[in-house]
């Protein structure tokens, strides 16, 4: 009859014993880990949601700034276009006046 100590001399039986021991400890420890991990998970989720909210606010503000810049550039382009048209009209009137004098 094999001795109890002889059973653990084999690598297979030693590995099986370690695996069974880990499984038993894991089954006993999982509820405690879940119970202890719940507050940590809540803090992580809360931090993530706050980060998401702040990111949305920052993106909205950046979008507003870009819209303001686009509006300013369009106003400048419109003013430039009007001054160009006015200058071209003045130049055309001058050239018509010069032709009339000739």
PDB file of N, CA and C in Angstrom:
ATOM      1  N   UNK A   1       0.851  -1.166   0.000  1.00  0.00           N
ATOM      2  CA  UNK A   1       0.000   0.000   0.000  1.00  0.00           C
ATOM      3  C   UNK A   1       0.902   1.236   0.000  1.00  0.00           C
ATOM      4  N   UNK A   2       0.595   2.204  -0.902  1.00  0.00           N
ATOM      5  CA  UNK A   2       1.468   3.378  -0.988  1.00  0.00           C
ATOM      6  C   UNK A   2       1.309   4.278   0.238  1.00  0.00           C
ATOM      7  N   UNK A   3       2.393   4.840   0.582  1.00  0.00           N
ATOM      8  CA  UNK A   3       2.440   5.746   1.718  1.00  0.00           C
ATOM      9  C   UNK A   3       1.912   7.122   1.283  1.00  0.00           C
ATOM     10  N   UNK A   4       1.371   7.917   2.195  1.00  0.00           N
ATOM     11  CA  UNK A   4       0.824   9.230   1.894  1.00  0.00           C
ATOM     12  C   UNK A   4       1.913  10.147   1.327  1.00  0.00           C
ATOM     13  N   UNK A   5       3.130  10.046   1.853  1.00  0.00           N
ATOM     14  CA  UNK A   5       4.229  10.875   1.375  1.00  0.00           C
ATOM     15  C   UNK A   5       4.670  10.445  -0.011  1.00  0.00           C
ATOM     16  N   UNK A   6       4.502   9.183  -0.353  1.00  0.00           N
ATOM     17  CA  UNK A   6       4.888   8.699  -1.669  1.00  0.00           C
ATOM     18  C   UNK A   6       3.986   9.276  -2.762  1.00  0.00           C
ATOM     19  N   UNK A   7       2.755   9.626  -2.416  1.00  0.00           N
ATOM     20  CA  UNK A   7       1.840  10.189  -3.410  1.00  0.00           C
ATOM     21  C   UNK A   7       2.348  11.523  -3.953  1.00  0.00           C
ATOM     22  N   UNK A   8       3.016  12.327  -3.159  1.00  0.00           N
ATOM     23  CA  UNK A   8       3.444  13.661  -3.571  1.00  0.00           C
ATOM     24  C   UNK A   8       4.851  13.689  -4.157  1.00  0.00           C
ATOM     25  N   UNK A   9       5.460  12.519  -4.345  1.00  0.00           N
ATOM     26  CA  UNK A   9       6.764  12.465  -4.989  1.00  0.00           C
ATOM     27  C   UNK A   9       6.631  12.594  -6.501  1.00  0.00           C
ATOM     28  N   UNK A  10       5.515  12.235  -7.046  1.00  0.00           N
ATOM     29  CA  UNK A  10       5.274  12.336  -8.484  1.00  0.00           C
ATOM     30  C   UNK A  10       4.875  13.774  -8.824  1.00  0.00           C
ATOM     31  N   UNK A  11       5.376  14.279  -9.952  1.00  0.00           N
ATOM     32  CA  UNK A  11       5.040  15.640 -10.389  1.00  0.00           C
ATOM     33  C   UNK A  11       3.564  15.775 -10.725  1.00  0.00           C
ATOM     34  N   UNK A  12       2.983  14.745 -11.272  1.00  0.00           N
ATOM     35  CA  UNK A  12       1.574  14.797 -11.655  1.00  0.00           C
ATOM     36  C   UNK A  12       0.696  14.894 -10.416  1.00  0.00           C
ATOM     37  N   UNK A  13       0.944  14.075  -9.441  1.00  0.00           N
ATOM     38  CA  UNK A  13       0.113  14.113  -8.238  1.00  0.00           C
ATOM     39  C   UNK A  13       0.376  15.403  -7.446  1.00  0.00           C
ATOM     40  N   UNK A  14       1.604  15.901  -7.442  1.00  0.00           N
ATOM     41  CA  UNK A  14       1.892  17.165  -6.765  1.00  0.00           C
ATOM     42  C   UNK A  14       1.151  18.306  -7.473  1.00  0.00           C
ATOM     43  N   UNK A  15       1.170  18.340  -8.800  1.00  0.00           N
ATOM     44  CA  UNK A  15       0.470  19.370  -9.558  1.00  0.00           C
ATOM     45  C   UNK A  15      -1.032  19.304  -9.347  1.00  0.00           C
ATOM     46  N   UNK A  16      -1.572  18.083  -9.300  1.00  0.00           N
ATOM     47  CA  UNK A  16      -3.008  17.925  -9.068  1.00  0.00           C
ATOM     48  C   UNK A  16      -3.378  18.413  -7.680  1.00  0.00           C
ATOM     49  N   UNK A  17      -2.553  18.113  -6.680  1.00  0.00           N
ATOM     50  CA  UNK A  17      -2.833  18.556  -5.320  1.00  0.00           C
ATOM     51  C   UNK A  17      -2.771  20.086  -5.223  1.00  0.00           C
ATOM     52  N   UNK A  18      -1.790  20.690  -5.877  1.00  0.00           N
ATOM     53  CA  UNK A  18      -1.684  22.152  -5.875  1.00  0.00           C
ATOM     54  C   UNK A  18      -2.895  22.758  -6.586  1.00  0.00           C
ATOM     55  N   UNK A  19      -3.306  22.186  -7.714  1.00  0.00           N
ATOM     56  CA  UNK A  19      -4.470  22.684  -8.450  1.00  0.00           C
ATOM     57  C   UNK A  19      -5.742  22.599  -7.631  1.00  0.00           C
ATOM     58  N   UNK A  20      -5.938  21.493  -6.950  1.00  0.00           N
ATOM     59  CA  UNK A  20      -7.131  21.339  -6.106  1.00  0.00           C
ATOM     60  C   UNK A  20      -7.093  22.331  -4.956  1.00  0.00           C
ATOM     61  N   UNK A  21      -5.927  22.512  -4.358  1.00  0.00           N
ATOM     62  CA  UNK A  21      -5.792  23.472  -3.258  1.00  0.00           C
ATOM     63  C   UNK A  21      -6.080  24.900  -3.715  1.00  0.00           C
ATOM     64  N   UNK A  22      -5.574  25.271  -4.889  1.00  0.00           N
ATOM     65  CA  UNK A  22      -5.836  26.613  -5.431  1.00  0.00           C
ATOM     66  C   UNK A  22      -7.318  26.782  -5.714  1.00  0.00           C
ATOM     67  N   UNK A  23      -7.956  25.759  -6.264  1.00  0.00           N
ATOM     68  CA  UNK A  23      -9.384  25.832  -6.556  1.00  0.00           C
ATOM     69  C   UNK A  23     -10.201  26.023  -5.285  1.00  0.00           C
ATOM     70  N   UNK A  24      -9.865  25.303  -4.242  1.00  0.00           N
ATOM     71  CA  UNK A  24     -10.598  25.427  -2.973  1.00  0.00           C
ATOM     72  C   UNK A  24     -10.410  26.825  -2.387  1.00  0.00           C
ATOM     73  N   UNK A  25      -9.183  27.323  -2.403  1.00  0.00           N
ATOM     74  CA  UNK A  25      -8.922  28.662  -1.879  1.00  0.00           C
ATOM     75  C   UNK A  25      -9.624  29.715  -2.728  1.00  0.00           C
ATOM     76  N   UNK A  26      -9.619  29.532  -4.046  1.00  0.00           N
ATOM     77  CA  UNK A  26     -10.272  30.502  -4.934  1.00  0.00           C
ATOM     78  C   UNK A  26     -11.766  30.552  -4.680  1.00  0.00           C
ATOM     79  N   UNK A  27     -12.376  29.387  -4.521  1.00  0.00           N
ATOM     80  CA  UNK A  27     -13.819  29.354  -4.261  1.00  0.00           C
ATOM     81  C   UNK A  27     -14.137  30.056  -2.950  1.00  0.00           C
ATOM     82  N   UNK A  28     -13.289  29.904  -1.967  1.00  0.00           N
ATOM     83  CA  UNK A  28     -13.518  30.556  -0.682  1.00  0.00           C
ATOM     84  C   UNK A  28     -13.186  32.048  -0.751  1.00  0.00           C
ATOM     85  N   UNK A  29     -12.225  32.426  -1.582  1.00  0.00           N
ATOM     86  CA  UNK A  29     -11.765  33.815  -1.615  1.00  0.00           C
ATOM     87  C   UNK A  29     -12.561  34.692  -2.578  1.00  0.00           C
ATOM     88  N   UNK A  30     -13.195  34.132  -3.589  1.00  0.00           N
ATOM     89  CA  UNK A  30     -13.901  34.941  -4.597  1.00  0.00           C
ATOM     90  C   UNK A  30     -14.973  35.831  -3.977  1.00  0.00           C
ATOM     91  N   UNK A  31     -15.835  35.329  -3.107  1.00  0.00           N
ATOM     92  CA  UNK A  31     -16.825  36.246  -2.519  1.00  0.00           C
ATOM     93  C   UNK A  31     -16.186  37.397  -1.744  1.00  0.00           C
ATOM     94  N   UNK A  32     -15.102  37.118  -1.039  1.00  0.00           N
ATOM     95  CA  UNK A  32     -14.422  38.173  -0.285  1.00  0.00           C
ATOM     96  C   UNK A  32     -13.789  39.183  -1.238  1.00  0.00           C
ATOM     97  N   UNK A  33     -13.210  38.703  -2.329  1.00  0.00           N
ATOM     98  CA  UNK A  33     -12.600  39.596  -3.316  1.00  0.00           C
ATOM     99  C   UNK A  33     -13.659  40.461  -3.976  1.00  0.00           C
ATOM    100  N   UNK A  34     -14.784  39.852  -4.333  1.00  0.00           N
ATOM    101  CA  UNK A  34     -15.871  40.605  -4.955  1.00  0.00           C
ATOM    102  C   UNK A  34     -16.412  41.646  -3.985  1.00  0.00           C
ATOM    103  N   UNK A  35     -16.584  41.254  -2.737  1.00  0.00           N
ATOM    104  CA  UNK A  35     -17.096  42.183  -1.725  1.00  0.00           C
ATOM    105  C   UNK A  35     -16.131  43.346  -1.517  1.00  0.00           C
ATOM    106  N   UNK A  36     -14.849  43.066  -1.471  1.00  0.00           N
ATOM    107  CA  UNK A  36     -13.845  44.122  -1.277  1.00  0.00           C
ATOM    108  C   UNK A  36     -13.658  44.932  -2.553  1.00  0.00           C
ATOM    109  N   UNK A  37     -13.832  44.319  -3.697  1.00  0.00           N
ATOM    110  CA  UNK A  37     -13.606  45.003  -4.966  1.00  0.00           C
ATOM    111  C   UNK A  37     -14.747  45.891  -5.401  1.00  0.00           C
ATOM    112  N   UNK A  38     -15.924  45.703  -4.856  1.00  0.00           N
ATOM    113  CA  UNK A  38     -17.083  46.499  -5.263  1.00  0.00           C
ATOM    114  C   UNK A  38     -16.878  48.000  -5.033  1.00  0.00           C
ATOM    115  N   UNK A  39     -16.412  48.433  -3.861  1.00  0.00           N
ATOM    116  CA  UNK A  39     -16.166  49.876  -3.692  1.00  0.00           C
ATOM    117  C   UNK A  39     -15.106  50.407  -4.656  1.00  0.00           C
ATOM    118  N   UNK A  40     -14.083  49.598  -4.919  1.00  0.00           N
ATOM    119  CA  UNK A  40     -13.057  50.018  -5.872  1.00  0.00           C
ATOM    120  C   UNK A  40     -13.645  50.160  -7.270  1.00  0.00           C
ATOM    121  N   UNK A  41     -14.517  49.245  -7.649  1.00  0.00           N
ATOM    122  CA  UNK A  41     -15.153  49.321  -8.956  1.00  0.00           C
ATOM    123  C   UNK A  41     -16.046  50.554  -9.045  1.00  0.00           C
ATOM    124  N   UNK A  42     -16.747  50.871  -7.965  1.00  0.00           N
ATOM    125  CA  UNK A  42     -17.608  52.069  -7.952  1.00  0.00           C
ATOM    126  C   UNK A  42     -16.774  53.328  -8.099  1.00  0.00           C
ATOM    127  N   UNK A  43     -15.649  53.392  -7.399  1.00  0.00           N
ATOM    128  CA  UNK A  43     -14.770  54.563  -7.500  1.00  0.00           C
ATOM    129  C   UNK A  43     -14.224  54.678  -8.923  1.00  0.00           C
ATOM    130  N   UNK A  44     -13.835  53.561  -9.510  1.00  0.00           N
ATOM    131  CA  UNK A  44     -13.304  53.587 -10.881  1.00  0.00           C
ATOM    132  C   UNK A  44     -14.374  54.049 -11.867  1.00  0.00           C
ATOM    133  N   UNK A  45     -15.593  53.542 -11.727  1.00  0.00           N
ATOM    134  CA  UNK A  45     -16.681  53.964 -12.610  1.00  0.00           C
ATOM    135  C   UNK A  45     -17.014  55.436 -12.421  1.00  0.00           C
ATOM    136  N   UNK A  46     -17.034  55.884 -11.184  1.00  0.00           N
ATOM    137  CA  UNK A  46     -17.329  57.285 -10.902  1.00  0.00           C
ATOM    138  C   UNK A  46     -16.265  58.182 -11.533  1.00  0.00           C
ATOM    139  N   UNK A  47     -15.006  57.810 -11.387  1.00  0.00           N
ATOM    140  CA  UNK A  47     -13.919  58.586 -11.985  1.00  0.00           C
ATOM    141  C   UNK A  47     -14.025  58.595 -13.505  1.00  0.00           C
ATOM    142  N   UNK A  48     -14.363  57.468 -14.072  1.00  0.00           N
ATOM    143  CA  UNK A  48     -14.520  57.386 -15.522  1.00  0.00           C
ATOM    144  C   UNK A  48     -15.653  58.259 -16.024  1.00  0.00           C
ATOM    145  N   UNK A  49     -16.770  58.254 -15.311  1.00  0.00           N
ATOM    146  CA  UNK A  49     -17.902  59.086 -15.714  1.00  0.00           C
ATOM    147  C   UNK A  49     -17.587  60.569 -15.575  1.00  0.00           C
ATOM    148  N   UNK A  50     -16.871  60.951 -14.515  1.00  0.00           N
ATOM    149  CA  UNK A  50     -16.463  62.346 -14.356  1.00  0.00           C
ATOM    150  C   UNK A  50     -15.516  62.770 -15.476  1.00  0.00           C
ATOM    151  N   UNK A  51     -14.598  61.892 -15.825  1.00  0.00           N
ATOM    152  CA  UNK A  51     -13.678  62.175 -16.919  1.00  0.00           C
ATOM    153  C   UNK A  51     -14.429  62.336 -18.230  1.00  0.00           C
ATOM    154  N   UNK A  52     -15.408  61.481 -18.472  1.00  0.00           N
ATOM    155  CA  UNK A  52     -16.224  61.566 -19.681  1.00  0.00           C
ATOM    156  C   UNK A  52     -16.969  62.893 -19.732  1.00  0.00           C
ATOM    157  N   UNK A  53     -17.557  63.296 -18.617  1.00  0.00           N
ATOM    158  CA  UNK A  53     -18.307  64.552 -18.562  1.00  0.00           C
ATOM    159  C   UNK A  53     -17.390  65.749 -18.815  1.00  0.00           C
ATOM    160  N   UNK A  54     -16.232  65.765 -18.180  1.00  0.00           N
ATOM    161  CA  UNK A  54     -15.280  66.865 -18.376  1.00  0.00           C
ATOM    162  C   UNK A  54     -14.782  66.897 -19.817  1.00  0.00           C
ATOM    163  N   UNK A  55     -14.568  65.732 -20.402  1.00  0.00           N
ATOM    164  CA  UNK A  55     -14.118  65.672 -21.798  1.00  0.00           C
ATOM    165  C   UNK A  55     -15.178  66.224 -22.730  1.00  0.00           C
ATOM    166  N   UNK A  56     -16.423  65.888 -22.492  1.00  0.00           N
ATOM    167  CA  UNK A  56     -17.504  66.416 -23.321  1.00  0.00           C
ATOM    168  C   UNK A  56     -17.583  67.931 -23.208  1.00  0.00           C
ATOM    169  N   UNK A  57     -17.445  68.455 -21.995  1.00  0.00           N
ATOM    170  CA  UNK A  57     -17.472  69.903 -21.801  1.00  0.00           C
ATOM    171  C   UNK A  57     -16.314  70.571 -22.541  1.00  0.00           C
ATOM    172  N   UNK A  58     -15.128  69.989 -22.441  1.00  0.00           N
ATOM    173  CA  UNK A  58     -13.956  70.564 -23.107  1.00  0.00           C
ATOM    174  C   UNK A  58     -14.127  70.530 -24.623  1.00  0.00           C
ATOM    175  N   UNK A  59     -14.662  69.432 -25.153  1.00  0.00           N
ATOM    176  CA  UNK A  59     -14.882  69.341 -26.597  1.00  0.00           C
ATOM    177  C   UNK A  59     -15.939  70.332 -27.059  1.00  0.00           C
ATOM    178  N   UNK A  60     -16.981  70.518 -26.271  1.00  0.00           N
ATOM    179  CA  UNK A  60     -18.023  71.491 -26.632  1.00  0.00           C
ATOM    180  C   UNK A  60     -17.440  72.899 -26.655  1.00  0.00           C
ATOM    181  N   UNK A  61     -16.618  73.219 -25.673  1.00  0.00           N
ATOM    182  CA  UNK A  61     -15.993  74.545 -25.620  1.00  0.00           C
ATOM    183  C   UNK A  61     -15.043  74.737 -26.802  1.00  0.00           C
ATOM    184  N   UNK A  62     -14.277  73.706 -27.124  1.00  0.00           N
ATOM    185  CA  UNK A  62     -13.369  73.799 -28.271  1.00  0.00           C
ATOM    186  C   UNK A  62     -14.167  73.987 -29.563  1.00  0.00           C
ATOM    187  N   UNK A  63     -15.294  73.287 -29.680  1.00  0.00           N
ATOM    188  CA  UNK A  63     -16.142  73.452 -30.862  1.00  0.00           C
ATOM    189  C   UNK A  63     -16.680  74.865 -30.974  1.00  0.00           C
ATOM    190  N   UNK A  64     -17.069  75.459 -29.864  1.00  0.00           N
ATOM    191  CA  UNK A  64     -17.558  76.838 -29.868  1.00  0.00           C
ATOM    192  C   UNK A  64     -16.454  77.802 -30.287  1.00  0.00           C
ATOM    193  N   UNK A  65     -15.242  77.568 -29.793  1.00  0.00           N
ATOM    194  CA  UNK A  65     -14.117  78.419 -30.177  1.00  0.00           C
ATOM    195  C   UNK A  65     -13.837  78.333 -31.677  1.00  0.00           C
ATOM    196  N   UNK A  66     -13.911  77.132 -32.213  1.00  0.00           N
ATOM    197  CA  UNK A  66     -13.690  76.952 -33.654  1.00  0.00           C
ATOM    198  C   UNK A  66     -14.787  77.639 -34.451  1.00  0.00           C
ATOM    199  N   UNK A  67     -16.030  77.519 -34.003  1.00  0.00           N
ATOM    200  CA  UNK A  67     -17.127  78.201 -34.689  1.00  0.00           C
ATOM    201  C   UNK A  67     -16.923  79.711 -34.669  1.00  0.00           C
ATOM    202  N   UNK A  68     -16.462  80.253 -33.546  1.00  0.00           N
ATOM    203  CA  UNK A  68     -16.188  81.687 -33.455  1.00  0.00           C
ATOM    204  C   UNK A  68     -15.095  82.102 -34.440  1.00  0.00           C
ATOM    205  N   UNK A  69     -14.028  81.293 -34.523  1.00  0.00           N
ATOM    206  CA  UNK A  69     -12.943  81.608 -35.455  1.00  0.00           C
ATOM    207  C   UNK A  69     -13.424  81.582 -36.904  1.00  0.00           C
ATOM    208  N   UNK A  70     -14.242  80.591 -37.227  1.00  0.00           N
ATOM    209  CA  UNK A  70     -14.776  80.492 -38.596  1.00  0.00           C
ATOM    210  C   UNK A  70     -15.631  81.715 -38.908  1.00  0.00           C
ATOM    211  N   UNK A  71     -16.448  82.148 -37.963  1.00  0.00           N
ATOM    212  CA  UNK A  71     -17.288  83.326 -38.176  1.00  0.00           C
ATOM    213  C   UNK A  71     -16.428  84.574 -38.372  1.00  0.00           C
ATOM    214  N   UNK A  72     -15.360  84.713 -37.587  1.00  0.00           N
ATOM    215  CA  UNK A  72     -14.467  85.859 -37.735  1.00  0.00           C
ATOM    216  C   UNK A  72     -13.786  85.862 -39.098  1.00  0.00           C
ATOM    217  N   UNK A  73     -13.315  84.711 -39.536  1.00  0.00           N
ATOM    218  CA  UNK A  73     -12.651  84.614 -40.836  1.00  0.00           C
ATOM    219  C   UNK A  73     -13.630  84.925 -41.959  1.00  0.00           C
ATOM    220  N   UNK A  74     -14.848  84.430 -41.858  1.00  0.00           N
ATOM    221  CA  UNK A  74     -15.851  84.738 -42.893  1.00  0.00           C
ATOM    222  C   UNK A  74     -16.152  86.233 -42.931  1.00  0.00           C
ATOM    223  N   UNK A  75     -16.233  86.879 -41.763  1.00  0.00           N
ATOM    224  CA  UNK A  75     -16.479  88.320 -41.726  1.00  0.00           C
ATOM    225  C   UNK A  75     -15.312  89.076 -42.361  1.00  0.00           C
ATOM    226  N   UNK A  76     -14.079  88.659 -42.078  1.00  0.00           N
ATOM    227  CA  UNK A  76     -12.917  89.300 -42.682  1.00  0.00           C
ATOM    228  C   UNK A  76     -12.915  89.108 -44.193  1.00  0.00           C
ATOM    229  N   UNK A  77     -13.254  87.899 -44.637  1.00  0.00           N
ATOM    230  CA  UNK A  77     -13.294  87.637 -46.077  1.00  0.00           C
ATOM    231  C   UNK A  77     -14.360  88.491 -46.750  1.00  0.00           C
ATOM    232  N   UNK A  78     -15.490  88.641 -46.113  1.00  0.00           N
ATOM    233  CA  UNK A  78     -16.561  89.459 -46.668  1.00  0.00           C
ATOM    234  C   UNK A  78     -16.130  90.926 -46.746  1.00  0.00           C
ATOM    235  N   UNK A  79     -15.471  91.410 -45.693  1.00  0.00           N
ATOM    236  CA  UNK A  79     -14.986  92.798 -45.687  1.00  0.00           C
ATOM    237  C   UNK A  79     -13.917  92.992 -46.756  1.00  0.00           C
ATOM    238  N   UNK A  80     -13.026  92.014 -46.900  1.00  0.00           N
ATOM    239  CA  UNK A  80     -11.991  92.104 -47.931  1.00  0.00           C
ATOM    240  C   UNK A  80     -12.612  92.113 -49.324  1.00  0.00           C
ATOM    241  N   UNK A  81     -13.615  91.284 -49.519  1.00  0.00           N
ATOM    242  CA  UNK A  81     -14.287  91.203 -50.808  1.00  0.00           C
ATOM    243  C   UNK A  81     -14.970  92.540 -51.128  1.00  0.00           C
ATOM    244  N   UNK A  82     -15.626  93.137 -50.136  1.00  0.00           N
ATOM    245  CA  UNK A  82     -16.306  94.427 -50.344  1.00  0.00           C
ATOM    246  C   UNK A  82     -15.301  95.531 -50.649  1.00  0.00           C
ATOM    247  N   UNK A  83     -14.162  95.546 -49.944  1.00  0.00           N
ATOM    248  CA  UNK A  83     -13.160  96.582 -50.214  1.00  0.00           C
ATOM    249  C   UNK A  83     -12.535  96.359 -51.599  1.00  0.00           C
ATOM    250  N   UNK A  84     -12.358  95.106 -52.007  1.00  0.00           N
ATOM    251  CA  UNK A  84     -11.827  94.817 -53.338  1.00  0.00           C
ATOM    252  C   UNK A  84     -12.794  95.292 -54.411  1.00  0.00           C
ATOM    253  N   UNK A  85     -14.090  95.028 -54.216  1.00  0.00           N
ATOM    254  CA  UNK A  85     -15.104  95.461 -55.182  1.00  0.00           C
ATOM    255  C   UNK A  85     -15.147  96.983 -55.249  1.00  0.00           C
ATOM    256  N   UNK A  86     -15.061  97.635 -54.103  1.00  0.00           N
ATOM    257  CA  UNK A  86     -15.073  99.099 -54.074  1.00  0.00           C
ATOM    258  C   UNK A  86     -13.832  99.653 -54.765  1.00  0.00           C
ATOM    259  N   UNK A  87     -12.682  99.054 -54.535  1.00  0.00           N
ATOM    260  CA  UNK A  87     -11.443  99.506 -55.178  1.00  0.00           C
ATOM    261  C   UNK A  87     -11.510  99.271 -56.683  1.00  0.00           C
ATOM    262  N   UNK A  88     -12.051  98.151 -57.093  1.00  0.00           N
ATOM    263  CA  UNK A  88     -12.175  97.868 -58.520  1.00  0.00           C
ATOM    264  C   UNK A  88     -13.143  98.846 -59.182  1.00  0.00           C
ATOM    265  N   UNK A  89     -14.221  99.185 -58.488  1.00  0.00           N
ATOM    266  CA  UNK A  89     -15.187 100.139 -59.039  1.00  0.00           C
ATOM    267  C   UNK A  89     -14.548 101.519 -59.153  1.00  0.00           C
ATOM    268  N   UNK A  90     -13.774 101.905 -58.144  1.00  0.00           N
ATOM    269  CA  UNK A  90     -13.098 103.205 -58.186  1.00  0.00           C
ATOM    270  C   UNK A  90     -12.074 103.238 -59.313  1.00  0.00           C
ATOM    271  N   UNK A  91     -11.358 102.149 -59.500  1.00  0.00           N
ATOM    272  CA  UNK A  91     -10.371 102.078 -60.576  1.00  0.00           C
ATOM    273  C   UNK A  91     -11.068 102.139 -61.935  1.00  0.00           C
ATOM    274  N   UNK A  92     -12.197 101.497 -62.051  1.00  0.00           N
ATOM    275  CA  UNK A  92     -12.948 101.517 -63.310  1.00  0.00           C
ATOM    276  C   UNK A  92     -13.457 102.917 -63.593  1.00  0.00           C
ATOM    277  N   UNK A  93     -13.925 103.623 -62.571  1.00  0.00           N
ATOM    278  CA  UNK A  93     -14.402 104.994 -62.756  1.00  0.00           C
ATOM    279  C   UNK A  93     -13.256 105.911 -63.164  1.00  0.00           C
ATOM    280  N   UNK A  94     -12.072 105.710 -62.569  1.00  0.00           N
ATOM    281  CA  UNK A  94     -10.911 106.519 -62.921  1.00  0.00           C
ATOM    282  C   UNK A  94     -10.506 106.292 -64.363  1.00  0.00           C
ATOM    283  N   UNK A  95     -10.505 105.011 -64.768  1.00  0.00           N
ATOM    284  CA  UNK A  95     -10.113 104.723 -66.137  1.00  0.00           C
ATOM    285  C   UNK A  95     -11.152 105.248 -67.119  1.00  0.00           C
ATOM    286  N   UNK A  96     -12.419 105.260 -66.757  1.00  0.00           N
ATOM    287  CA  UNK A  96     -13.447 105.839 -67.631  1.00  0.00           C
ATOM    288  C   UNK A  96     -13.265 107.353 -67.696  1.00  0.00           C
ATOM    289  N   UNK A  97     -12.898 107.972 -66.568  1.00  0.00           N
ATOM    290  CA  UNK A  97     -12.664 109.413 -66.556  1.00  0.00           C
ATOM    291  C   UNK A  97     -11.445 109.785 -67.390  1.00  0.00           C
ATOM    292  N   UNK A  98     -10.414 108.967 -67.339  1.00  0.00           N
ATOM    293  CA  UNK A  98      -9.201 109.210 -68.137  1.00  0.00           C
ATOM    294  C   UNK A  98      -9.509 109.054 -69.616  1.00  0.00           C
ATOM    295  N   UNK A  99     -10.326 108.100 -69.989  1.00  0.00           N
ATOM    296  CA  UNK A  99     -10.685 107.879 -71.388  1.00  0.00           C
ATOM    297  C   UNK A  99     -11.558 109.040 -71.886  1.00  0.00           C
ATOM    298  N   UNK A 100     -12.401 109.571 -71.034  1.00  0.00           N
ATOM    299  CA  UNK A 100     -13.264 110.661 -71.431  1.00  0.00           C
ATOM    300  C   UNK A 100     -12.467 111.933 -71.662  1.00  0.00           C
ATOM    301  N   UNK A 101     -11.393 112.128 -70.900  1.00  0.00           N
ATOM    302  CA  UNK A 101     -10.571 113.301 -71.048  1.00  0.00           C
ATOM    303  C   UNK A 101      -9.699 113.222 -72.288  1.00  0.00           C
ATOM    304  N   UNK A 102      -9.418 112.041 -72.766  1.00  0.00           N
ATOM    305  CA  UNK A 102      -8.531 111.884 -73.923  1.00  0.00           C
ATOM    306  C   UNK A 102      -9.194 112.144 -75.195  1.00  0.00           C
TER     307      UNK A 102
END
